[in-house]
Amino acid sequence: MPATDLPLLIETARAAGDIATRYSGPEAKRWEKPGGAGPVTEADLAVNEMLEDRLRRARPDYGWLSEESEDSTERLTRERVFIVDPIDGTRSFAEGDRNWAHALAVIEAGEVTAAVIYLPMRDLLYSAARGMGARLNGEAIRAEDAADLARATILATRPHLDPQHWRGGVFPGFKSAYRSSLAYRMALVAQGRFDGMLTLRPSWEWDIAAGDLILREAGARCTDRSGAPLRFNNPHPQINGVVAAGPLLHDRIAAALAPELVLPGATHPAS
């Protein structure tokens, strides 16, 4: 099914971009979710409504998990599940930034089989189907496989550079960069624009499912904080952080991280 699901995801992601770009982010109605869960705008909700209607009508036997839909245990009974983030980087969208994305994925037995990350304001559409490679706007992409962690550029927020996160309390000295959308960070590593990315916070599945497949199909390794492969459609849809890079660099990041550190759970990472 990956090959047949991918065209559906691509077409639907482009339709999502058509809807989202009708809104001016700074002028869109905006609310704060309860419990400090971050912002949501009228554009998020409009995109989510279209995604759920179009995708579920096309695949009525698939389950559904979205940041902007009420979750249900019904998805746990389905062999295949859509996992979507209508707008990843809502805060950036609301501020008028261009680095927000639509992230769409299909999961089968816990593994991503088809995925799209689309940034309509940048005209960047990353896509992958299992076993078929990763592409950007139709052209094949490949992740870099740097070997020297100290000279690498890693997409990571500033708190992750704190020595407490690193073995022996020694930060390995890599350069850091940042993009607001977690899905976009993953796609940029798959594209080879950056050497790796990491987040040590518990991560919602809708932020990372599409990026996981695109990274792996581009030749990178993508695991959780402990080095385990990512598995999706969990009863509580969070993953224990993400570490992604080419195989050599991934191993060096994993070896440098302090394994004994257990981070407190986040109620909802900022999007």
C-alpha atoms as a PDB file:
ATOM      1  CA  MET A   1       0.000   0.000   0.000  1.00  0.00           C
ATOM      2  CA  PRO A   2       2.833   2.579   0.469  1.00  0.00           C
ATOM      3  CA  ALA A   3       3.022   3.329  -3.266  1.00  0.00           C
ATOM      4  CA  THR A   4      -0.721   3.921  -3.527  1.00  0.00           C
ATOM      5  CA  ASP A   5      -0.955   5.939  -0.304  1.00  0.00           C
ATOM      6  CA  LEU A   6       1.817   8.372  -1.224  1.00  0.00           C
ATOM      7  CA  PRO A   7       0.001  10.106  -4.131  1.00  0.00           C
ATOM      8  CA  LEU A   8      -2.994  10.578  -1.847  1.00  0.00           C
ATOM      9  CA  LEU A   9      -0.811  12.189   0.832  1.00  0.00           C
ATOM     10  CA  ILE A  10       0.912  14.459  -1.698  1.00  0.00           C
ATOM     11  CA  GLU A  11      -2.362  15.646  -3.226  1.00  0.00           C
ATOM     12  CA  THR A  12      -3.900  16.219   0.202  1.00  0.00           C
ATOM     13  CA  ALA A  13      -0.844  18.058   1.553  1.00  0.00           C
ATOM     14  CA  ARG A  14      -0.997  20.467  -1.378  1.00  0.00           C
ATOM     15  CA  ALA A  15      -4.688  21.034  -0.689  1.00  0.00           C
ATOM     16  CA  ALA A  16      -3.788  21.769   2.939  1.00  0.00           C
ATOM     17  CA  GLY A  17      -1.341  24.396   1.736  1.00  0.00           C
ATOM     18  CA  ASP A  18      -4.040  25.999  -0.376  1.00  0.00           C
ATOM     19  CA  ILE A  19      -6.214  26.363   2.721  1.00  0.00           C
ATOM     20  CA  ALA A  20      -3.524  27.513   5.156  1.00  0.00           C
ATOM     21  CA  THR A  21      -2.115  30.170   2.848  1.00  0.00           C
ATOM     22  CA  ARG A  22      -5.520  31.843   2.592  1.00  0.00           C
ATOM     23  CA  TYR A  23      -4.949  33.008   6.149  1.00  0.00           C
ATOM     24  CA  SER A  24      -2.573  35.681   7.333  1.00  0.00           C
ATOM     25  CA  GLY A  25      -0.896  34.065  10.318  1.00  0.00           C
ATOM     26  CA  PRO A  26      -0.649  37.207  12.471  1.00  0.00           C
ATOM     27  CA  GLU A  27      -4.295  38.071  11.738  1.00  0.00           C
ATOM     28  CA  ALA A  28      -5.751  34.576  12.127  1.00  0.00           C
ATOM     29  CA  LYS A  29      -7.877  33.938  15.193  1.00  0.00           C
ATOM     30  CA  ARG A  30      -5.723  32.255  17.822  1.00  0.00           C
ATOM     31  CA  TRP A  31      -6.343  30.456  21.095  1.00  0.00           C
ATOM     32  CA  GLU A  32      -4.112  28.926  23.744  1.00  0.00           C
ATOM     33  CA  LYS A  33      -4.847  25.271  24.431  1.00  0.00           C
ATOM     34  CA  PRO A  34      -5.570  24.232  28.025  1.00  0.00           C
ATOM     35  CA  GLY A  35      -2.702  23.194  30.258  1.00  0.00           C
ATOM     36  CA  GLY A  36      -0.042  25.176  28.437  1.00  0.00           C
ATOM     37  CA  ALA A  37      -0.339  22.925  25.397  1.00  0.00           C
ATOM     38  CA  GLY A  38       0.512  25.742  22.989  1.00  0.00           C
ATOM     39  CA  PRO A  39      -1.426  27.804  20.464  1.00  0.00           C
ATOM     40  CA  VAL A  40      -3.964  26.798  17.832  1.00  0.00           C
ATOM     41  CA  THR A  41      -5.355  29.018  15.090  1.00  0.00           C
ATOM     42  CA  GLU A  42      -8.409  28.965  12.894  1.00  0.00           C
ATOM     43  CA  ALA A  43      -6.110  27.859  10.062  1.00  0.00           C
ATOM     44  CA  ASP A  44      -5.053  24.724  12.008  1.00  0.00           C
ATOM     45  CA  LEU A  45      -8.688  23.803  12.495  1.00  0.00           C
ATOM     46  CA  ALA A  46      -9.685  24.464   8.889  1.00  0.00           C
ATOM     47  CA  VAL A  47      -6.804  22.352   7.588  1.00  0.00           C
ATOM     48  CA  ASN A  48      -7.556  19.576  10.047  1.00  0.00           C
ATOM     49  CA  GLU A  49     -11.206  19.444   8.993  1.00  0.00           C
ATOM     50  CA  MET A  50     -10.229  19.063   5.334  1.00  0.00           C
ATOM     51  CA  LEU A  51      -7.544  16.452   6.070  1.00  0.00           C
ATOM     52  CA  GLU A  52      -9.845  14.275   8.127  1.00  0.00           C
ATOM     53  CA  ASP A  53     -12.679  14.493   5.608  1.00  0.00           C
ATOM     54  CA  ARG A  54     -10.548  13.817   2.525  1.00  0.00           C
ATOM     55  CA  LEU A  55      -8.229  11.149   3.928  1.00  0.00           C
ATOM     56  CA  ARG A  56     -10.865   9.187   5.805  1.00  0.00           C
ATOM     57  CA  ARG A  57     -13.227   9.181   2.852  1.00  0.00           C
ATOM     58  CA  ALA A  58     -10.390   7.874   0.676  1.00  0.00           C
ATOM     59  CA  ARG A  59      -9.366   5.191   3.214  1.00  0.00           C
ATOM     60  CA  PRO A  60     -12.369   4.497   5.478  1.00  0.00           C
ATOM     61  CA  ASP A  61     -10.668   1.476   7.065  1.00  0.00           C
ATOM     62  CA  TYR A  62      -7.703   3.529   8.338  1.00  0.00           C
ATOM     63  CA  GLY A  63      -7.529   4.916  11.868  1.00  0.00           C
ATOM     64  CA  TRP A  64      -6.939   8.577  12.687  1.00  0.00           C
ATOM     65  CA  LEU A  65      -4.547  10.512  14.946  1.00  0.00           C
ATOM     66  CA  SER A  66      -4.167  14.284  14.625  1.00  0.00           C
ATOM     67  CA  GLU A  67      -2.940  17.042  16.889  1.00  0.00           C
ATOM     68  CA  GLU A  68      -6.220  18.896  16.363  1.00  0.00           C
ATOM     69  CA  SER A  69      -8.686  15.998  16.705  1.00  0.00           C
ATOM     70  CA  GLU A  70      -9.895  14.390  19.911  1.00  0.00           C
ATOM     71  CA  ASP A  71      -8.000  11.127  20.290  1.00  0.00           C
ATOM     72  CA  SER A  72      -9.775   7.779  20.511  1.00  0.00           C
ATOM     73  CA  THR A  73      -8.655   4.245  21.327  1.00  0.00           C
ATOM     74  CA  GLU A  74     -10.471   3.179  18.154  1.00  0.00           C
ATOM     75  CA  ARG A  75      -7.264   3.796  16.157  1.00  0.00           C
ATOM     76  CA  LEU A  76      -5.518   1.073  18.176  1.00  0.00           C
ATOM     77  CA  THR A  77      -7.773  -1.517  16.539  1.00  0.00           C
ATOM     78  CA  ARG A  78      -6.854  -0.500  12.970  1.00  0.00           C
ATOM     79  CA  GLU A  79      -4.125  -2.100  10.893  1.00  0.00           C
ATOM     80  CA  ARG A  80      -3.266   1.223   9.247  1.00  0.00           C
ATOM     81  CA  VAL A  81      -3.545   4.718  10.704  1.00  0.00           C
ATOM     82  CA  PHE A  82      -3.180   8.272   9.418  1.00  0.00           C
ATOM     83  CA  ILE A  83      -1.016  10.408  11.717  1.00  0.00           C
ATOM     84  CA  VAL A  84      -1.106  14.103  10.806  1.00  0.00           C
ATOM     85  CA  ASP A  85      -0.133  17.523  12.075  1.00  0.00           C
ATOM     86  CA  PRO A  86      -2.280  20.082  10.244  1.00  0.00           C
ATOM     87  CA  ILE A  87       0.287  22.830  10.884  1.00  0.00           C
ATOM     88  CA  ASP A  88       3.584  21.930  12.508  1.00  0.00           C
ATOM     89  CA  GLY A  89       5.040  25.182  13.772  1.00  0.00           C
ATOM     90  CA  THR A  90       1.796  26.929  14.675  1.00  0.00           C
ATOM     91  CA  ARG A  91       3.631  29.551  16.708  1.00  0.00           C
ATOM     92  CA  SER A  92       5.753  30.444  13.676  1.00  0.00           C
ATOM     93  CA  PHE A  93       2.670  30.480  11.436  1.00  0.00           C
ATOM     94  CA  ALA A  94       0.950  32.901  13.809  1.00  0.00           C
ATOM     95  CA  GLU A  95       4.019  35.151  13.805  1.00  0.00           C
ATOM     96  CA  GLY A  96       4.124  35.325  10.009  1.00  0.00           C
ATOM     97  CA  ASP A  97       7.197  33.114   9.605  1.00  0.00           C
ATOM     98  CA  ARG A  98       7.534  30.786   6.584  1.00  0.00           C
ATOM     99  CA  ASN A  99       9.004  27.753   8.354  1.00  0.00           C
ATOM    100  CA  TRP A 100       5.792  25.892   9.178  1.00  0.00           C
ATOM    101  CA  ALA A 101       4.739  22.630   7.582  1.00  0.00           C
ATOM    102  CA  HIS A 102       1.974  20.140   6.994  1.00  0.00           C
ATOM    103  CA  ALA A 103       3.058  16.658   8.129  1.00  0.00           C
ATOM    104  CA  LEU A 104       1.121  13.580   6.953  1.00  0.00           C
ATOM    105  CA  ALA A 105       1.971   9.906   7.452  1.00  0.00           C
ATOM    106  CA  VAL A 106       0.469   6.441   7.141  1.00  0.00           C
ATOM    107  CA  ILE A 107       1.392   3.869   9.789  1.00  0.00           C
ATOM    108  CA  GLU A 108       1.123   0.106   9.425  1.00  0.00           C
ATOM    109  CA  ALA A 109       1.837  -2.151  12.408  1.00  0.00           C
ATOM    110  CA  GLY A 110       3.677   0.687  14.133  1.00  0.00           C
ATOM    111  CA  GLU A 111       5.937   1.586  11.179  1.00  0.00           C
ATOM    112  CA  VAL A 112       5.593   4.530   8.800  1.00  0.00           C
ATOM    113  CA  THR A 113       4.943   3.391   5.227  1.00  0.00           C
ATOM    114  CA  ALA A 114       4.216   6.687   3.420  1.00  0.00           C
ATOM    115  CA  ALA A 115       4.975  10.264   4.423  1.00  0.00           C
ATOM    116  CA  VAL A 116       4.859  13.877   3.269  1.00  0.00           C
ATOM    117  CA  ILE A 117       6.193  17.093   4.811  1.00  0.00           C
ATOM    118  CA  TYR A 118       5.077  20.162   2.873  1.00  0.00           C
ATOM    119  CA  LEU A 119       6.095  23.782   3.427  1.00  0.00           C
ATOM    120  CA  PRO A 120       3.785  25.759   1.118  1.00  0.00           C
ATOM    121  CA  MET A 121       5.429  29.124   1.815  1.00  0.00           C
ATOM    122  CA  ARG A 122       8.769  27.698   0.679  1.00  0.00           C
ATOM    123  CA  ASP A 123       7.424  25.407  -2.057  1.00  0.00           C
ATOM    124  CA  LEU A 124       9.182  22.417  -0.487  1.00  0.00           C
ATOM    125  CA  LEU A 125       7.491  19.029  -0.598  1.00  0.00           C
ATOM    126  CA  TYR A 126       9.422  16.159   0.994  1.00  0.00           C
ATOM    127  CA  SER A 127       8.019  12.683   0.404  1.00  0.00           C
ATOM    128  CA  ALA A 128       8.830   9.014   0.894  1.00  0.00           C
ATOM    129  CA  ALA A 129       7.270   5.590   0.585  1.00  0.00           C
ATOM    130  CA  ARG A 130       8.772   2.563   2.268  1.00  0.00           C
ATOM    131  CA  GLY A 131      11.492   1.016   0.134  1.00  0.00           C
ATOM    132  CA  MET A 132      11.238   3.711  -2.558  1.00  0.00           C
ATOM    133  CA  GLY A 133      13.650   6.392  -1.320  1.00  0.00           C
ATOM    134  CA  ALA A 134      13.077   9.983  -0.227  1.00  0.00           C
ATOM    135  CA  ARG A 135      12.432  12.957  -2.500  1.00  0.00           C
ATOM    136  CA  LEU A 136      12.221  16.723  -2.413  1.00  0.00           C
ATOM    137  CA  ASN A 137       9.948  18.182  -5.095  1.00  0.00           C
ATOM    138  CA  GLY A 138      10.302  14.917  -7.002  1.00  0.00           C
ATOM    139  CA  GLU A 139      14.121  14.747  -6.896  1.00  0.00           C
ATOM    140  CA  ALA A 140      15.950  12.104  -4.857  1.00  0.00           C
ATOM    141  CA  ILE A 141      17.631  13.328  -1.654  1.00  0.00           C
ATOM    142  CA  ARG A 142      20.279  11.777   0.550  1.00  0.00           C
ATOM    143  CA  ALA A 143      21.370  12.554   4.098  1.00  0.00           C
ATOM    144  CA  GLU A 144      24.978  13.471   4.839  1.00  0.00           C
ATOM    145  CA  ASP A 145      27.043  11.004   6.852  1.00  0.00           C
ATOM    146  CA  ALA A 146      29.571  13.171   8.663  1.00  0.00           C
ATOM    147  CA  ALA A 147      31.979  11.417  11.012  1.00  0.00           C
ATOM    148  CA  ASP A 148      33.235  14.238  13.243  1.00  0.00           C
ATOM    149  CA  LEU A 149      30.643  15.276  15.829  1.00  0.00           C
ATOM    150  CA  ALA A 150      32.694  18.258  16.993  1.00  0.00           C
ATOM    151  CA  ARG A 151      32.587  19.745  13.480  1.00  0.00           C
ATOM    152  CA  ALA A 152      28.967  18.842  12.698  1.00  0.00           C
ATOM    153  CA  THR A 153      25.994  21.215  12.588  1.00  0.00           C
ATOM    154  CA  ILE A 154      23.054  19.798  14.529  1.00  0.00           C
ATOM    155  CA  LEU A 155      19.510  21.135  14.665  1.00  0.00           C
ATOM    156  CA  ALA A 156      18.851  21.364  18.406  1.00  0.00           C
ATOM    157  CA  THR A 157      17.454  23.906  20.831  1.00  0.00           C
ATOM    158  CA  ARG A 158      19.874  25.704  23.128  1.00  0.00           C
ATOM    159  CA  PRO A 159      18.906  23.819  26.325  1.00  0.00           C
ATOM    160  CA  HIS A 160      20.110  20.581  24.705  1.00  0.00           C
ATOM    161  CA  LEU A 161      23.638  21.987  24.612  1.00  0.00           C
ATOM    162  CA  ASP A 162      23.806  22.029  28.406  1.00  0.00           C
ATOM    163  CA  PRO A 163      26.626  19.771  29.684  1.00  0.00           C
ATOM    164  CA  GLN A 164      24.181  17.857  31.902  1.00  0.00           C
ATOM    165  CA  HIS A 165      22.845  16.085  28.801  1.00  0.00           C
ATOM    166  CA  TRP A 166      26.264  14.773  27.761  1.00  0.00           C
ATOM    167  CA  ARG A 167      28.417  11.962  29.049  1.00  0.00           C
ATOM    168  CA  GLY A 168      30.802  13.150  31.739  1.00  0.00           C
ATOM    169  CA  GLY A 169      29.211  16.584  31.671  1.00  0.00           C
ATOM    170  CA  VAL A 170      31.199  17.460  28.550  1.00  0.00           C
ATOM    171  CA  PHE A 171      29.366  19.053  25.621  1.00  0.00           C
ATOM    172  CA  PRO A 172      30.933  17.687  22.400  1.00  0.00           C
ATOM    173  CA  GLY A 173      31.178  21.115  20.814  1.00  0.00           C
ATOM    174  CA  PHE A 174      29.083  20.774  17.661  1.00  0.00           C
ATOM    175  CA  LYS A 175      27.503  23.826  16.036  1.00  0.00           C
ATOM    176  CA  SER A 176      23.794  24.210  16.604  1.00  0.00           C
ATOM    177  CA  ALA A 177      20.980  25.632  14.494  1.00  0.00           C
ATOM    178  CA  TYR A 178      17.218  25.829  14.905  1.00  0.00           C
ATOM    179  CA  ARG A 179      13.994  25.697  12.901  1.00  0.00           C
ATOM    180  CA  SER A 180      10.614  26.041  14.593  1.00  0.00           C
ATOM    181  CA  SER A 181       8.935  23.070  12.895  1.00  0.00           C
ATOM    182  CA  LEU A 182      10.169  19.731  14.193  1.00  0.00           C
ATOM    183  CA  ALA A 183       9.027  18.042  10.973  1.00  0.00           C
ATOM    184  CA  TYR A 184      11.055  20.564   8.942  1.00  0.00           C
ATOM    185  CA  ARG A 185      14.144  19.912  11.075  1.00  0.00           C
ATOM    186  CA  MET A 186      13.898  16.214  10.267  1.00  0.00           C
ATOM    187  CA  ALA A 187      13.376  16.909   6.563  1.00  0.00           C
ATOM    188  CA  LEU A 188      16.403  19.213   6.428  1.00  0.00           C
ATOM    189  CA  VAL A 189      18.618  16.428   7.766  1.00  0.00           C
ATOM    190  CA  ALA A 190      17.180  14.019   5.191  1.00  0.00           C
ATOM    191  CA  GLN A 191      17.986  16.614   2.513  1.00  0.00           C
ATOM    192  CA  GLY A 192      21.601  16.876   3.679  1.00  0.00           C
ATOM    193  CA  ARG A 193      21.294  20.543   4.644  1.00  0.00           C
ATOM    194  CA  PHE A 194      22.295  19.744   8.231  1.00  0.00           C
ATOM    195  CA  ASP A 195      24.293  16.875   9.682  1.00  0.00           C
ATOM    196  CA  GLY A 196      21.761  15.815  12.301  1.00  0.00           C
ATOM    197  CA  MET A 197      18.975  16.795  14.670  1.00  0.00           C
ATOM    198  CA  LEU A 198      17.978  15.882  18.165  1.00  0.00           C
ATOM    199  CA  THR A 199      15.309  16.598  20.694  1.00  0.00           C
ATOM    200  CA  LEU A 200      15.462  15.030  24.126  1.00  0.00           C
ATOM    201  CA  ARG A 201      11.936  16.002  25.095  1.00  0.00           C
ATOM    202  CA  PRO A 202       9.042  13.561  24.777  1.00  0.00           C
ATOM    203  CA  SER A 203       7.761  14.163  21.234  1.00  0.00           C
ATOM    204  CA  TRP A 204       4.229  13.830  19.910  1.00  0.00           C
ATOM    205  CA  GLU A 205       3.831  11.285  17.143  1.00  0.00           C
ATOM    206  CA  TRP A 206       2.186  13.747  14.757  1.00  0.00           C
ATOM    207  CA  ASP A 207       5.313  15.940  14.845  1.00  0.00           C
ATOM    208  CA  ILE A 208       7.761  13.185  13.924  1.00  0.00           C
ATOM    209  CA  ALA A 209       6.045  10.291  12.111  1.00  0.00           C
ATOM    210  CA  ALA A 210       6.451  11.712   8.589  1.00  0.00           C
ATOM    211  CA  GLY A 211      10.044  12.781   9.245  1.00  0.00           C
ATOM    212  CA  ASP A 212      11.002   9.345  10.529  1.00  0.00           C
ATOM    213  CA  LEU A 213      10.332   7.624   7.192  1.00  0.00           C
ATOM    214  CA  ILE A 214      11.766  10.448   5.073  1.00  0.00           C
ATOM    215  CA  LEU A 215      14.980  10.318   7.103  1.00  0.00           C
ATOM    216  CA  ARG A 216      15.328   6.545   6.910  1.00  0.00           C
ATOM    217  CA  GLU A 217      14.597   6.457   3.192  1.00  0.00           C
ATOM    218  CA  ALA A 218      17.278   9.144   2.746  1.00  0.00           C
ATOM    219  CA  GLY A 219      19.833   6.862   4.401  1.00  0.00           C
ATOM    220  CA  ALA A 220      19.845   8.381   7.891  1.00  0.00           C
ATOM    221  CA  ARG A 221      19.244   6.656  11.200  1.00  0.00           C
ATOM    222  CA  CYS A 222      16.289   7.871  13.233  1.00  0.00           C
ATOM    223  CA  THR A 223      15.759   6.569  16.757  1.00  0.00           C
ATOM    224  CA  ASP A 224      14.411   7.636  20.096  1.00  0.00           C
ATOM    225  CA  ARG A 225      16.565   9.074  22.893  1.00  0.00           C
ATOM    226  CA  SER A 226      17.704   5.578  23.936  1.00  0.00           C
ATOM    227  CA  GLY A 227      18.624   4.462  20.402  1.00  0.00           C
ATOM    228  CA  ALA A 228      15.512   2.318  19.833  1.00  0.00           C
ATOM    229  CA  PRO A 229      13.649   2.468  16.474  1.00  0.00           C
ATOM    230  CA  LEU A 230      10.583   4.687  16.501  1.00  0.00           C
ATOM    231  CA  ARG A 231       7.250   2.890  16.749  1.00  0.00           C
ATOM    232  CA  PHE A 232       3.957   4.676  16.241  1.00  0.00           C
ATOM    233  CA  ASN A 233       0.265   4.454  17.085  1.00  0.00           C
ATOM    234  CA  ASN A 234       1.011   4.000  20.773  1.00  0.00           C
ATOM    235  CA  PRO A 235      -1.820   4.263  23.311  1.00  0.00           C
ATOM    236  CA  HIS A 236      -0.159   7.453  24.581  1.00  0.00           C
ATOM    237  CA  PRO A 237       1.121   8.944  21.318  1.00  0.00           C
ATOM    238  CA  GLN A 238       4.495  10.228  22.473  1.00  0.00           C
ATOM    239  CA  ILE A 239       8.045   9.088  21.693  1.00  0.00           C
ATOM    240  CA  ASN A 240      11.035   9.361  24.036  1.00  0.00           C
ATOM    241  CA  GLY A 241      12.817  12.065  22.050  1.00  0.00           C
ATOM    242  CA  VAL A 242      14.433  11.815  18.618  1.00  0.00           C
ATOM    243  CA  VAL A 243      18.037  11.481  17.456  1.00  0.00           C
ATOM    244  CA  ALA A 244      18.593  11.548  13.677  1.00  0.00           C
ATOM    245  CA  ALA A 245      21.730  11.692  11.534  1.00  0.00           C
ATOM    246  CA  GLY A 246      23.742   9.640   9.086  1.00  0.00           C
ATOM    247  CA  PRO A 247      24.720   6.252  10.582  1.00  0.00           C
ATOM    248  CA  LEU A 248      28.253   7.265  11.628  1.00  0.00           C
ATOM    249  CA  LEU A 249      27.236  10.524  13.224  1.00  0.00           C
ATOM    250  CA  HIS A 250      24.167   8.997  14.842  1.00  0.00           C
ATOM    251  CA  ASP A 251      26.394   6.516  16.659  1.00  0.00           C
ATOM    252  CA  ARG A 252      28.651   9.320  17.857  1.00  0.00           C
ATOM    253  CA  ILE A 253      25.725  11.370  19.144  1.00  0.00           C
ATOM    254  CA  ALA A 254      24.288   8.333  20.922  1.00  0.00           C
ATOM    255  CA  ALA A 255      27.669   7.563  22.501  1.00  0.00           C
ATOM    256  CA  ALA A 256      28.108  11.170  23.662  1.00  0.00           C
ATOM    257  CA  LEU A 257      24.681  11.512  25.291  1.00  0.00           C
ATOM    258  CA  ALA A 258      24.446  10.868  29.008  1.00  0.00           C
ATOM    259  CA  PRO A 259      22.424   7.605  29.207  1.00  0.00           C
ATOM    260  CA  GLU A 260      21.615   7.965  32.875  1.00  0.00           C
ATOM    261  CA  LEU A 261      19.725  11.236  32.405  1.00  0.00           C
ATOM    262  CA  VAL A 262      15.939  10.885  32.516  1.00  0.00           C
ATOM    263  CA  LEU A 263      14.174  14.020  31.386  1.00  0.00           C
ATOM    264  CA  PRO A 264      10.865  15.039  32.942  1.00  0.00           C
ATOM    265  CA  GLY A 265       7.882  14.398  30.665  1.00  0.00           C
ATOM    266  CA  ALA A 266       6.429  17.320  28.788  1.00  0.00           C
ATOM    267  CA  THR A 267       2.649  17.692  28.729  1.00  0.00           C
ATOM    268  CA  HIS A 268       2.812  19.021  25.176  1.00  0.00           C
ATOM    269  CA  PRO A 269       5.952  20.128  23.293  1.00  0.00           C
ATOM    270  CA  ALA A 270       5.565  23.530  21.711  1.00  0.00           C
ATOM    271  CA  SER A 271       4.530  23.443  18.066  1.00  0.00           C
END
